[in-house]
Each structure stands twice: as structure tokens, then as C-alpha cells.
Amino acid sequence: MIDRSIKVKVLKETSKTVTVQLTTLNRKMPVPRKEFEKRVKNGLYEVIGGYEVEAEE
């Protein structure tokens, strides 16, 4: 099976959620911040327009 990433654009960030736009589907979706950062790290999401993952302390 081929691993593919979903291209997303970050629209809005809060302390608990990140609202992303799925570019291929033209849909907006809120995602919990921890889950979003995990998906970016694992390569499931490819962020368009740049996004810096916050360092864990």
C-alpha cells in the first residue's frame, strides 16, 4: 500500500484546536492540537503555507 499525505492549510489556531482546510476536498475541519501535531509528525498531513510544530517541554 502506498503511503500518501493529505494536503492541509492551517486556517485558525487556538490553544486546544487547529482548524484546517483539506485542500483536495475544500472542507474545513477542527482537529485537536495534539492529534494534529501527531498527524503532521507521522506524515499523514502535509501542511501548505508553513507550520511549526511546538516543542514539548
C-alpha atoms as a PDB file:
ATOM      1  CA  MET A   1       0.000   0.000   0.000  1.00  0.00           C
ATOM      2  CA  ILE A   2       1.285   3.465  -0.859  1.00  0.00           C
ATOM      3  CA  ASP A   3       1.608   5.958   1.982  1.00  0.00           C
ATOM      4  CA  ARG A   4       0.127   9.294   0.954  1.00  0.00           C
ATOM      5  CA  SER A   5      -0.264  12.543   2.808  1.00  0.00           C
ATOM      6  CA  ILE A   6      -3.282  14.817   2.922  1.00  0.00           C
ATOM      7  CA  LYS A   7      -2.543  18.411   1.935  1.00  0.00           C
ATOM      8  CA  VAL A   8      -3.962  20.820   4.503  1.00  0.00           C
ATOM      9  CA  LYS A   9      -3.832  24.547   5.105  1.00  0.00           C
ATOM     10  CA  VAL A  10      -3.965  25.913   8.660  1.00  0.00           C
ATOM     11  CA  LEU A  11      -6.791  28.451   8.912  1.00  0.00           C
ATOM     12  CA  LYS A  12      -7.041  29.108  12.659  1.00  0.00           C
ATOM     13  CA  GLU A  13      -5.191  28.047  15.783  1.00  0.00           C
ATOM     14  CA  THR A  14      -6.334  28.103  19.395  1.00  0.00           C
ATOM     15  CA  SER A  15      -4.737  26.618  22.491  1.00  0.00           C
ATOM     16  CA  LYS A  16      -6.712  23.372  22.111  1.00  0.00           C
ATOM     17  CA  THR A  17      -7.651  23.073  18.418  1.00  0.00           C
ATOM     18  CA  VAL A  18      -6.314  23.741  14.956  1.00  0.00           C
ATOM     19  CA  THR A  19      -8.799  24.410  12.154  1.00  0.00           C
ATOM     20  CA  VAL A  20      -7.524  23.035   8.861  1.00  0.00           C
ATOM     21  CA  GLN A  21      -8.798  23.168   5.307  1.00  0.00           C
ATOM     22  CA  LEU A  22      -8.460  19.925   3.361  1.00  0.00           C
ATOM     23  CA  THR A  23      -7.339  21.355   0.029  1.00  0.00           C
ATOM     24  CA  THR A  24      -8.432  18.466  -2.196  1.00  0.00           C
ATOM     25  CA  LEU A  25     -11.908  18.283  -0.643  1.00  0.00           C
ATOM     26  CA  ASN A  26     -12.390  22.011   0.005  1.00  0.00           C
ATOM     27  CA  ARG A  27     -13.625  21.256   3.534  1.00  0.00           C
ATOM     28  CA  LYS A  28     -12.823  22.880   6.868  1.00  0.00           C
ATOM     29  CA  MET A  29     -12.320  20.721   9.947  1.00  0.00           C
ATOM     30  CA  PRO A  30     -11.294  21.417  13.544  1.00  0.00           C
ATOM     31  CA  VAL A  31      -8.699  18.985  14.909  1.00  0.00           C
ATOM     32  CA  PRO A  32      -7.421  18.724  18.491  1.00  0.00           C
ATOM     33  CA  ARG A  33      -3.919  20.265  18.649  1.00  0.00           C
ATOM     34  CA  LYS A  34      -2.204  17.112  19.992  1.00  0.00           C
ATOM     35  CA  GLU A  35      -3.793  14.959  17.289  1.00  0.00           C
ATOM     36  CA  PHE A  36      -2.884  17.494  14.575  1.00  0.00           C
ATOM     37  CA  GLU A  37       0.766  17.649  15.642  1.00  0.00           C
ATOM     38  CA  LYS A  38       0.905  13.840  15.800  1.00  0.00           C
ATOM     39  CA  ARG A  39      -0.509  13.561  12.259  1.00  0.00           C
ATOM     40  CA  VAL A  40       1.997  16.130  10.924  1.00  0.00           C
ATOM     41  CA  LYS A  41       4.883  14.301  12.613  1.00  0.00           C
ATOM     42  CA  ASN A  42       3.756  10.923  11.220  1.00  0.00           C
ATOM     43  CA  GLY A  43       3.431  12.352   7.708  1.00  0.00           C
ATOM     44  CA  LEU A  44      -0.343  11.978   7.382  1.00  0.00           C
ATOM     45  CA  TYR A  45      -0.779  15.744   6.899  1.00  0.00           C
ATOM     46  CA  GLU A  46       1.351  17.857   4.562  1.00  0.00           C
ATOM     47  CA  VAL A  47       0.937  21.462   5.688  1.00  0.00           C
ATOM     48  CA  ILE A  48       0.833  24.036   2.896  1.00  0.00           C
ATOM     49  CA  GLY A  49       1.874  27.572   3.795  1.00  0.00           C
ATOM     50  CA  GLY A  50       4.177  26.523   6.604  1.00  0.00           C
ATOM     51  CA  TYR A  51       3.572  25.391  10.146  1.00  0.00           C
ATOM     52  CA  GLU A  52       5.983  24.978  13.042  1.00  0.00           C
ATOM     53  CA  VAL A  53       5.282  22.137  15.469  1.00  0.00           C
ATOM     54  CA  GLU A  54       5.502  23.423  19.034  1.00  0.00           C
ATOM     55  CA  ALA A  55       8.320  21.936  21.111  1.00  0.00           C
ATOM     56  CA  GLU A  56       7.179  19.850  24.061  1.00  0.00           C
ATOM     57  CA  GLU A  57       8.552  20.973  27.415  1.00  0.00           C
END
